[in-house]
Amino acid sequence: MRELALELDVSRATLHRWVGSRDHLLGEILWSETSAVFDNVTFTGRGALGIADAIGSFVSTVNSSVAFRTFLQREPERALRLLTTKASVVQSRTIAQLTDLLSTEISAGRLTTPLPAPDLAYILVRLGESFIYTDVITGDEPDAAKAHAAAQSLLT
């Protein structure tokens, strides 16, 4: 925050008034990047298979981001807190965006689910997270193909 304040030629107090805490600022930056990935995700199909493809594409894109992987390696606890808990806006906004996508598919009759769209979106987001943060959680390599297969299994 100090370096950013110097770069912007403002006091640290002013910077904190503008953006809040470092974690809040990082959360907004992470959301900006997450939203851009979600907006550019490959969604070639419809229904269950299309959503599974979108989950796999999202996880693949995130996993291949050098900046994201570097942040996750340098500050794993902060990254997980900011990305997977209510401490940040990233997870809640991702769930909301996926809920909209699921609701569209349900309303169009292309997807049937015994769960309400928000609950299914939450499960799918957590599923994707499992294959993005695998290296931090279990030590295994992140794997978008597994995320795709798991989403497909859940949705079909």
N, C-alpha and C. Protein backbone atom coordinates (compact mmCIF):
# COMPACT_ATOMS: atom_id res chain seq x y z
N MET A 1 0.83 -1.18 0.00
CA MET A 1 0.00 0.00 0.00
C MET A 1 0.88 1.25 0.00
N ARG A 2 1.99 1.17 0.71
CA ARG A 2 2.91 2.30 0.75
C ARG A 2 3.43 2.61 -0.66
N GLU A 3 3.86 1.59 -1.37
CA GLU A 3 4.39 1.80 -2.72
C GLU A 3 3.32 2.34 -3.66
N LEU A 4 2.11 1.83 -3.54
CA LEU A 4 1.01 2.33 -4.38
C LEU A 4 0.71 3.79 -4.06
N ALA A 5 0.70 4.14 -2.78
CA ALA A 5 0.46 5.53 -2.38
C ALA A 5 1.53 6.45 -2.96
N LEU A 6 2.80 6.00 -2.90
CA LEU A 6 3.88 6.80 -3.48
C LEU A 6 3.70 6.95 -4.99
N GLU A 7 3.35 5.87 -5.65
CA GLU A 7 3.15 5.89 -7.11
C GLU A 7 2.02 6.86 -7.49
N LEU A 8 0.97 6.88 -6.68
CA LEU A 8 -0.18 7.74 -6.96
C LEU A 8 0.01 9.16 -6.41
N ASP A 9 1.10 9.35 -5.66
CA ASP A 9 1.41 10.64 -5.04
C ASP A 9 0.28 11.10 -4.11
N VAL A 10 -0.15 10.16 -3.27
CA VAL A 10 -1.14 10.47 -2.24
C VAL A 10 -0.64 9.88 -0.93
N SER A 11 -1.23 10.32 0.16
CA SER A 11 -0.85 9.75 1.46
C SER A 11 -1.46 8.36 1.59
N ARG A 12 -0.88 7.57 2.50
CA ARG A 12 -1.44 6.23 2.75
C ARG A 12 -2.85 6.34 3.32
N ALA A 13 -3.10 7.37 4.11
CA ALA A 13 -4.44 7.57 4.66
C ALA A 13 -5.46 7.79 3.54
N THR A 14 -5.08 8.62 2.58
CA THR A 14 -5.97 8.86 1.45
C THR A 14 -6.20 7.58 0.67
N LEU A 15 -5.15 6.82 0.42
CA LEU A 15 -5.29 5.56 -0.30
C LEU A 15 -6.24 4.62 0.45
N HIS A 16 -6.10 4.54 1.75
CA HIS A 16 -6.99 3.67 2.54
C HIS A 16 -8.44 4.15 2.48
N ARG A 17 -8.65 5.45 2.45
CA ARG A 17 -10.02 5.98 2.30
C ARG A 17 -10.58 5.60 0.94
N TRP A 18 -9.74 5.62 -0.09
CA TRP A 18 -10.19 5.29 -1.45
C TRP A 18 -10.52 3.82 -1.60
N VAL A 19 -9.62 2.95 -1.12
CA VAL A 19 -9.75 1.51 -1.44
C VAL A 19 -9.96 0.62 -0.23
N GLY A 20 -9.91 1.14 0.96
CA GLY A 20 -10.03 0.29 2.14
C GLY A 20 -8.70 -0.39 2.44
N SER A 21 -8.78 -1.57 2.96
CA SER A 21 -7.58 -2.30 3.36
C SER A 21 -6.88 -2.93 2.16
N ARG A 22 -5.68 -3.41 2.40
CA ARG A 22 -4.94 -4.13 1.36
C ARG A 22 -5.73 -5.33 0.89
N ASP A 23 -6.33 -6.07 1.83
CA ASP A 23 -7.11 -7.24 1.45
C ASP A 23 -8.32 -6.87 0.60
N HIS A 24 -8.97 -5.76 0.94
CA HIS A 24 -10.11 -5.32 0.13
C HIS A 24 -9.67 -4.98 -1.29
N LEU A 25 -8.58 -4.25 -1.40
CA LEU A 25 -8.04 -3.90 -2.71
C LEU A 25 -7.66 -5.15 -3.50
N LEU A 26 -6.96 -6.07 -2.85
CA LEU A 26 -6.60 -7.32 -3.53
C LEU A 26 -7.84 -8.10 -3.95
N GLY A 27 -8.85 -8.13 -3.10
CA GLY A 27 -10.09 -8.82 -3.45
C GLY A 27 -10.74 -8.23 -4.69
N GLU A 28 -10.76 -6.91 -4.78
CA GLU A 28 -11.35 -6.26 -5.96
C GLU A 28 -10.51 -6.53 -7.22
N ILE A 29 -9.19 -6.53 -7.07
CA ILE A 29 -8.32 -6.84 -8.21
C ILE A 29 -8.53 -8.29 -8.64
N LEU A 30 -8.57 -9.19 -7.67
CA LEU A 30 -8.80 -10.61 -7.99
C LEU A 30 -10.17 -10.81 -8.64
N TRP A 31 -11.18 -10.08 -8.17
CA TRP A 31 -12.50 -10.19 -8.79
C TRP A 31 -12.46 -9.68 -10.23
N SER A 32 -11.77 -8.58 -10.45
CA SER A 32 -11.66 -8.03 -11.80
C SER A 32 -11.07 -9.06 -12.76
N GLU A 33 -10.03 -9.73 -12.30
CA GLU A 33 -9.41 -10.77 -13.12
C GLU A 33 -10.33 -11.98 -13.28
N THR A 34 -10.97 -12.40 -12.20
CA THR A 34 -11.88 -13.54 -12.24
C THR A 34 -13.04 -13.26 -13.19
N SER A 35 -13.60 -12.09 -13.09
CA SER A 35 -14.72 -11.71 -13.94
C SER A 35 -14.32 -11.72 -15.42
N ALA A 36 -13.12 -11.22 -15.70
CA ALA A 36 -12.64 -11.23 -17.09
C ALA A 36 -12.48 -12.65 -17.60
N VAL A 37 -11.97 -13.54 -16.77
CA VAL A 37 -11.82 -14.94 -17.18
C VAL A 37 -13.20 -15.54 -17.42
N PHE A 38 -14.13 -15.30 -16.51
CA PHE A 38 -15.48 -15.86 -16.64
C PHE A 38 -16.15 -15.34 -17.91
N ASP A 39 -15.97 -14.06 -18.21
CA ASP A 39 -16.57 -13.47 -19.41
C ASP A 39 -16.00 -14.06 -20.70
N ASN A 40 -14.76 -14.52 -20.64
CA ASN A 40 -14.11 -15.05 -21.84
C ASN A 40 -14.06 -16.57 -21.90
N VAL A 41 -14.73 -17.22 -20.95
CA VAL A 41 -14.71 -18.67 -20.88
C VAL A 41 -15.42 -19.27 -22.09
N THR A 42 -14.92 -20.39 -22.53
CA THR A 42 -15.53 -21.09 -23.65
C THR A 42 -16.82 -21.74 -23.19
N PHE A 43 -17.91 -21.33 -23.80
CA PHE A 43 -19.22 -21.90 -23.49
C PHE A 43 -19.87 -22.26 -24.81
N THR A 44 -19.36 -23.33 -25.41
CA THR A 44 -19.79 -23.70 -26.75
C THR A 44 -21.10 -24.47 -26.76
N GLY A 45 -21.35 -25.24 -25.71
CA GLY A 45 -22.56 -26.03 -25.65
C GLY A 45 -23.59 -25.39 -24.76
N ARG A 46 -24.65 -26.11 -24.57
CA ARG A 46 -25.71 -25.66 -23.68
C ARG A 46 -26.02 -26.78 -22.69
N GLY A 47 -26.79 -26.45 -21.70
CA GLY A 47 -27.19 -27.45 -20.73
C GLY A 47 -26.01 -27.93 -19.89
N ALA A 48 -26.16 -29.15 -19.39
CA ALA A 48 -25.17 -29.72 -18.47
C ALA A 48 -23.78 -29.79 -19.10
N LEU A 49 -23.70 -30.26 -20.34
CA LEU A 49 -22.39 -30.41 -20.98
C LEU A 49 -21.74 -29.06 -21.24
N GLY A 50 -22.52 -28.09 -21.61
CA GLY A 50 -21.97 -26.75 -21.84
C GLY A 50 -21.46 -26.12 -20.56
N ILE A 51 -22.18 -26.30 -19.47
CA ILE A 51 -21.74 -25.75 -18.20
C ILE A 51 -20.48 -26.47 -17.72
N ALA A 52 -20.43 -27.78 -17.89
CA ALA A 52 -19.22 -28.53 -17.52
C ALA A 52 -18.03 -28.05 -18.34
N ASP A 53 -18.25 -27.78 -19.64
CA ASP A 53 -17.18 -27.25 -20.48
C ASP A 53 -16.73 -25.88 -19.96
N ALA A 54 -17.68 -25.06 -19.56
CA ALA A 54 -17.34 -23.72 -19.04
C ALA A 54 -16.52 -23.83 -17.75
N ILE A 55 -16.90 -24.75 -16.87
CA ILE A 55 -16.15 -24.94 -15.62
C ILE A 55 -14.72 -25.39 -15.94
N GLY A 56 -14.59 -26.37 -16.83
CA GLY A 56 -13.26 -26.85 -17.22
C GLY A 56 -12.42 -25.76 -17.86
N SER A 57 -13.03 -24.97 -18.73
CA SER A 57 -12.31 -23.87 -19.38
C SER A 57 -11.87 -22.81 -18.38
N PHE A 58 -12.76 -22.48 -17.44
CA PHE A 58 -12.44 -21.50 -16.41
C PHE A 58 -11.24 -21.97 -15.58
N VAL A 59 -11.31 -23.21 -15.10
CA VAL A 59 -10.24 -23.76 -14.26
C VAL A 59 -8.93 -23.81 -15.04
N SER A 60 -9.00 -24.21 -16.30
CA SER A 60 -7.80 -24.27 -17.14
C SER A 60 -7.16 -22.89 -17.30
N THR A 61 -7.99 -21.89 -17.55
CA THR A 61 -7.48 -20.53 -17.74
C THR A 61 -6.83 -20.01 -16.46
N VAL A 62 -7.49 -20.21 -15.33
CA VAL A 62 -6.94 -19.75 -14.05
C VAL A 62 -5.64 -20.49 -13.75
N ASN A 63 -5.65 -21.80 -13.97
CA ASN A 63 -4.45 -22.59 -13.66
C ASN A 63 -3.26 -22.20 -14.52
N SER A 64 -3.49 -21.68 -15.70
CA SER A 64 -2.38 -21.31 -16.57
C SER A 64 -1.92 -19.87 -16.39
N SER A 65 -2.54 -19.14 -15.49
CA SER A 65 -2.16 -17.75 -15.23
C SER A 65 -0.91 -17.69 -14.37
N VAL A 66 0.18 -17.21 -14.93
CA VAL A 66 1.44 -17.11 -14.19
C VAL A 66 1.30 -16.15 -13.02
N ALA A 67 0.64 -15.03 -13.22
CA ALA A 67 0.47 -14.05 -12.14
C ALA A 67 -0.33 -14.66 -10.98
N PHE A 68 -1.39 -15.36 -11.31
CA PHE A 68 -2.20 -15.98 -10.27
C PHE A 68 -1.42 -17.05 -9.52
N ARG A 69 -0.73 -17.92 -10.24
CA ARG A 69 0.02 -19.00 -9.60
C ARG A 69 1.12 -18.42 -8.70
N THR A 70 1.76 -17.33 -9.15
CA THR A 70 2.80 -16.69 -8.35
C THR A 70 2.21 -16.14 -7.06
N PHE A 71 1.08 -15.44 -7.16
CA PHE A 71 0.41 -14.92 -5.96
C PHE A 71 0.06 -16.06 -5.01
N LEU A 72 -0.49 -17.13 -5.54
CA LEU A 72 -0.88 -18.28 -4.72
C LEU A 72 0.33 -18.92 -4.03
N GLN A 73 1.46 -18.98 -4.72
CA GLN A 73 2.66 -19.57 -4.13
C GLN A 73 3.28 -18.65 -3.08
N ARG A 74 3.27 -17.34 -3.34
CA ARG A 74 3.89 -16.40 -2.41
C ARG A 74 3.08 -16.17 -1.14
N GLU A 75 1.77 -16.14 -1.29
CA GLU A 75 0.90 -15.83 -0.15
C GLU A 75 -0.29 -16.79 -0.11
N PRO A 76 -0.04 -18.09 0.09
CA PRO A 76 -1.12 -19.07 0.00
C PRO A 76 -2.27 -18.84 0.99
N GLU A 77 -1.96 -18.50 2.22
CA GLU A 77 -3.03 -18.31 3.21
C GLU A 77 -3.89 -17.10 2.84
N ARG A 78 -3.24 -16.01 2.49
CA ARG A 78 -3.99 -14.80 2.09
C ARG A 78 -4.80 -15.08 0.83
N ALA A 79 -4.20 -15.74 -0.13
CA ALA A 79 -4.90 -16.04 -1.38
C ALA A 79 -6.14 -16.88 -1.11
N LEU A 80 -6.01 -17.94 -0.33
CA LEU A 80 -7.17 -18.79 -0.04
C LEU A 80 -8.24 -18.01 0.72
N ARG A 81 -7.83 -17.17 1.66
CA ARG A 81 -8.80 -16.38 2.42
C ARG A 81 -9.53 -15.41 1.49
N LEU A 82 -8.79 -14.77 0.60
CA LEU A 82 -9.40 -13.78 -0.29
C LEU A 82 -10.23 -14.40 -1.40
N LEU A 83 -9.90 -15.62 -1.76
CA LEU A 83 -10.57 -16.25 -2.89
C LEU A 83 -11.69 -17.21 -2.51
N THR A 84 -11.64 -17.76 -1.32
CA THR A 84 -12.57 -18.85 -1.00
C THR A 84 -13.41 -18.62 0.25
N THR A 85 -13.38 -17.43 0.81
CA THR A 85 -14.16 -17.17 2.01
C THR A 85 -14.93 -15.87 1.87
N LYS A 86 -15.75 -15.59 2.87
CA LYS A 86 -16.50 -14.34 2.85
C LYS A 86 -15.62 -13.12 3.12
N ALA A 87 -14.33 -13.33 3.34
CA ALA A 87 -13.40 -12.23 3.54
C ALA A 87 -13.22 -11.40 2.27
N SER A 88 -13.68 -11.91 1.16
CA SER A 88 -13.54 -11.21 -0.10
C SER A 88 -14.81 -11.36 -0.92
N VAL A 89 -14.89 -10.60 -1.96
CA VAL A 89 -16.05 -10.61 -2.85
C VAL A 89 -15.93 -11.65 -3.96
N VAL A 90 -14.78 -12.25 -4.12
CA VAL A 90 -14.53 -13.11 -5.28
C VAL A 90 -15.48 -14.30 -5.32
N GLN A 91 -15.54 -15.07 -4.24
CA GLN A 91 -16.37 -16.27 -4.27
C GLN A 91 -17.85 -15.91 -4.41
N SER A 92 -18.33 -14.95 -3.64
CA SER A 92 -19.76 -14.62 -3.70
C SER A 92 -20.16 -14.10 -5.08
N ARG A 93 -19.32 -13.30 -5.70
CA ARG A 93 -19.64 -12.79 -7.04
C ARG A 93 -19.54 -13.88 -8.10
N THR A 94 -18.60 -14.79 -7.92
CA THR A 94 -18.48 -15.91 -8.86
C THR A 94 -19.72 -16.80 -8.76
N ILE A 95 -20.16 -17.06 -7.54
CA ILE A 95 -21.38 -17.85 -7.35
C ILE A 95 -22.57 -17.15 -7.99
N ALA A 96 -22.67 -15.84 -7.81
CA ALA A 96 -23.78 -15.08 -8.41
C ALA A 96 -23.74 -15.15 -9.93
N GLN A 97 -22.56 -15.03 -10.51
CA GLN A 97 -22.44 -15.08 -11.96
C GLN A 97 -22.81 -16.47 -12.49
N LEU A 98 -22.35 -17.51 -11.81
CA LEU A 98 -22.67 -18.87 -12.22
C LEU A 98 -24.15 -19.16 -11.99
N THR A 99 -24.73 -18.60 -10.93
CA THR A 99 -26.18 -18.76 -10.69
C THR A 99 -26.97 -18.21 -11.87
N ASP A 100 -26.57 -17.06 -12.39
CA ASP A 100 -27.25 -16.48 -13.56
C ASP A 100 -27.17 -17.42 -14.76
N LEU A 101 -26.00 -17.98 -15.00
CA LEU A 101 -25.82 -18.90 -16.12
C LEU A 101 -26.69 -20.14 -15.94
N LEU A 102 -26.67 -20.72 -14.74
CA LEU A 102 -27.50 -21.90 -14.47
C LEU A 102 -28.98 -21.58 -14.61
N SER A 103 -29.40 -20.44 -14.10
CA SER A 103 -30.81 -20.05 -14.18
C SER A 103 -31.27 -19.91 -15.62
N THR A 104 -30.41 -19.37 -16.45
CA THR A 104 -30.72 -19.25 -17.88
C THR A 104 -30.94 -20.62 -18.50
N GLU A 105 -30.05 -21.55 -18.20
CA GLU A 105 -30.16 -22.90 -18.75
C GLU A 105 -31.39 -23.65 -18.19
N ILE A 106 -31.69 -23.44 -16.92
CA ILE A 106 -32.86 -24.07 -16.31
C ILE A 106 -34.14 -23.51 -16.93
N SER A 107 -34.20 -22.18 -17.03
CA SER A 107 -35.39 -21.52 -17.61
C SER A 107 -35.63 -21.92 -19.06
N ALA A 108 -34.55 -22.16 -19.78
CA ALA A 108 -34.67 -22.55 -21.20
C ALA A 108 -34.99 -24.04 -21.36
N GLY A 109 -35.04 -24.77 -20.25
CA GLY A 109 -35.35 -26.19 -20.31
C GLY A 109 -34.17 -27.05 -20.74
N ARG A 110 -32.97 -26.49 -20.72
CA ARG A 110 -31.78 -27.24 -21.15
C ARG A 110 -31.05 -27.90 -19.98
N LEU A 111 -31.51 -27.62 -18.75
CA LEU A 111 -30.87 -28.19 -17.57
C LEU A 111 -31.94 -28.45 -16.52
N THR A 112 -31.90 -29.65 -15.97
CA THR A 112 -32.79 -30.03 -14.88
C THR A 112 -31.93 -30.38 -13.68
N THR A 113 -32.28 -29.84 -12.53
CA THR A 113 -31.51 -30.09 -11.32
C THR A 113 -32.44 -30.17 -10.12
N PRO A 114 -32.14 -31.06 -9.18
CA PRO A 114 -32.96 -31.11 -7.97
C PRO A 114 -32.62 -29.99 -6.98
N LEU A 115 -31.56 -29.27 -7.25
CA LEU A 115 -31.13 -28.18 -6.36
C LEU A 115 -31.50 -26.83 -6.95
N PRO A 116 -31.76 -25.84 -6.10
CA PRO A 116 -31.92 -24.48 -6.63
C PRO A 116 -30.61 -24.01 -7.26
N ALA A 117 -30.71 -23.15 -8.24
CA ALA A 117 -29.53 -22.67 -8.97
C ALA A 117 -28.44 -22.11 -8.05
N PRO A 118 -28.76 -21.31 -7.02
CA PRO A 118 -27.68 -20.79 -6.15
C PRO A 118 -26.91 -21.90 -5.42
N ASP A 119 -27.62 -22.93 -4.98
CA ASP A 119 -26.94 -24.04 -4.30
C ASP A 119 -26.05 -24.81 -5.26
N LEU A 120 -26.54 -25.05 -6.46
CA LEU A 120 -25.74 -25.76 -7.46
C LEU A 120 -24.53 -24.92 -7.86
N ALA A 121 -24.72 -23.62 -7.99
CA ALA A 121 -23.60 -22.73 -8.33
C ALA A 121 -22.54 -22.79 -7.23
N TYR A 122 -22.96 -22.77 -5.97
CA TYR A 122 -22.01 -22.86 -4.86
C TYR A 122 -21.20 -24.15 -4.96
N ILE A 123 -21.87 -25.26 -5.19
CA ILE A 123 -21.18 -26.55 -5.30
C ILE A 123 -20.20 -26.54 -6.47
N LEU A 124 -20.62 -26.02 -7.60
CA LEU A 124 -19.74 -25.99 -8.78
C LEU A 124 -18.53 -25.07 -8.56
N VAL A 125 -18.73 -23.96 -7.89
CA VAL A 125 -17.60 -23.07 -7.59
C VAL A 125 -16.62 -23.77 -6.67
N ARG A 126 -17.13 -24.42 -5.62
CA ARG A 126 -16.24 -25.14 -4.70
C ARG A 126 -15.53 -26.29 -5.41
N LEU A 127 -16.23 -26.95 -6.32
CA LEU A 127 -15.62 -28.01 -7.11
C LEU A 127 -14.46 -27.44 -7.94
N GLY A 128 -14.70 -26.33 -8.62
CA GLY A 128 -13.64 -25.70 -9.40
C GLY A 128 -12.46 -25.29 -8.54
N GLU A 129 -12.76 -24.73 -7.37
CA GLU A 129 -11.69 -24.34 -6.45
C GLU A 129 -10.84 -25.54 -6.04
N SER A 130 -11.47 -26.67 -5.88
CA SER A 130 -10.75 -27.88 -5.48
C SER A 130 -9.65 -28.24 -6.48
N PHE A 131 -9.88 -27.94 -7.75
CA PHE A 131 -8.90 -28.28 -8.77
C PHE A 131 -8.05 -27.09 -9.21
N ILE A 132 -8.28 -25.94 -8.61
CA ILE A 132 -7.41 -24.77 -8.82
C ILE A 132 -6.37 -24.70 -7.70
N TYR A 133 -6.80 -24.91 -6.46
CA TYR A 133 -5.93 -24.75 -5.30
C TYR A 133 -5.37 -26.08 -4.80
N THR A 134 -5.43 -27.11 -5.61
CA THR A 134 -4.99 -28.45 -5.20
C THR A 134 -3.56 -28.44 -4.67
N ASP A 135 -2.67 -27.71 -5.32
CA ASP A 135 -1.27 -27.70 -4.89
C ASP A 135 -1.11 -27.14 -3.48
N VAL A 136 -1.92 -26.16 -3.12
CA VAL A 136 -1.84 -25.57 -1.79
C VAL A 136 -2.53 -26.47 -0.76
N ILE A 137 -3.62 -27.12 -1.15
CA ILE A 137 -4.41 -27.91 -0.21
C ILE A 137 -3.80 -29.30 0.02
N THR A 138 -3.47 -30.00 -1.08
CA THR A 138 -3.01 -31.39 -0.94
C THR A 138 -1.59 -31.63 -1.44
N GLY A 139 -1.05 -30.68 -2.18
CA GLY A 139 0.27 -30.86 -2.76
C GLY A 139 0.24 -31.44 -4.15
N ASP A 140 -0.94 -31.84 -4.63
CA ASP A 140 -1.08 -32.38 -5.98
C ASP A 140 -1.14 -31.23 -6.99
N GLU A 141 -0.94 -31.58 -8.25
CA GLU A 141 -0.99 -30.57 -9.31
C GLU A 141 -2.43 -30.18 -9.63
N PRO A 142 -2.70 -28.90 -9.85
CA PRO A 142 -4.02 -28.47 -10.28
C PRO A 142 -4.38 -29.15 -11.61
N ASP A 143 -5.66 -29.47 -11.80
CA ASP A 143 -6.04 -30.26 -12.97
C ASP A 143 -7.42 -29.86 -13.47
N ALA A 144 -7.46 -29.11 -14.55
CA ALA A 144 -8.72 -28.65 -15.13
C ALA A 144 -9.53 -29.80 -15.70
N ALA A 145 -8.87 -30.84 -16.22
CA ALA A 145 -9.60 -31.98 -16.78
C ALA A 145 -10.42 -32.68 -15.70
N LYS A 146 -9.86 -32.76 -14.51
CA LYS A 146 -10.61 -33.37 -13.40
C LYS A 146 -11.79 -32.49 -13.01
N ALA A 147 -11.61 -31.20 -13.03
CA ALA A 147 -12.72 -30.28 -12.73
C ALA A 147 -13.84 -30.45 -13.74
N HIS A 148 -13.47 -30.56 -15.00
CA HIS A 148 -14.46 -30.76 -16.06
C HIS A 148 -15.21 -32.07 -15.85
N ALA A 149 -14.46 -33.15 -15.61
CA ALA A 149 -15.09 -34.46 -15.42
C ALA A 149 -16.01 -34.46 -14.19
N ALA A 150 -15.58 -33.84 -13.11
CA ALA A 150 -16.38 -33.80 -11.89
C ALA A 150 -17.65 -32.97 -12.12
N ALA A 151 -17.54 -31.84 -12.79
CA ALA A 151 -18.71 -31.00 -13.09
C ALA A 151 -19.69 -31.76 -13.99
N GLN A 152 -19.15 -32.43 -14.98
CA GLN A 152 -20.00 -33.20 -15.89
C GLN A 152 -20.73 -34.31 -15.13
N SER A 153 -20.02 -34.99 -14.25
CA SER A 153 -20.64 -36.05 -13.44
C SER A 153 -21.76 -35.49 -12.57
N LEU A 154 -21.52 -34.36 -11.96
CA LEU A 154 -22.51 -33.73 -11.08
C LEU A 154 -23.73 -33.28 -11.86
N LEU A 155 -23.51 -32.72 -13.03
CA LEU A 155 -24.61 -32.13 -13.80
C LEU A 155 -25.41 -33.13 -14.62
N THR A 156 -24.81 -34.25 -14.93
CA THR A 156 -25.53 -35.25 -15.72
C THR A 156 -25.91 -36.37 -14.85
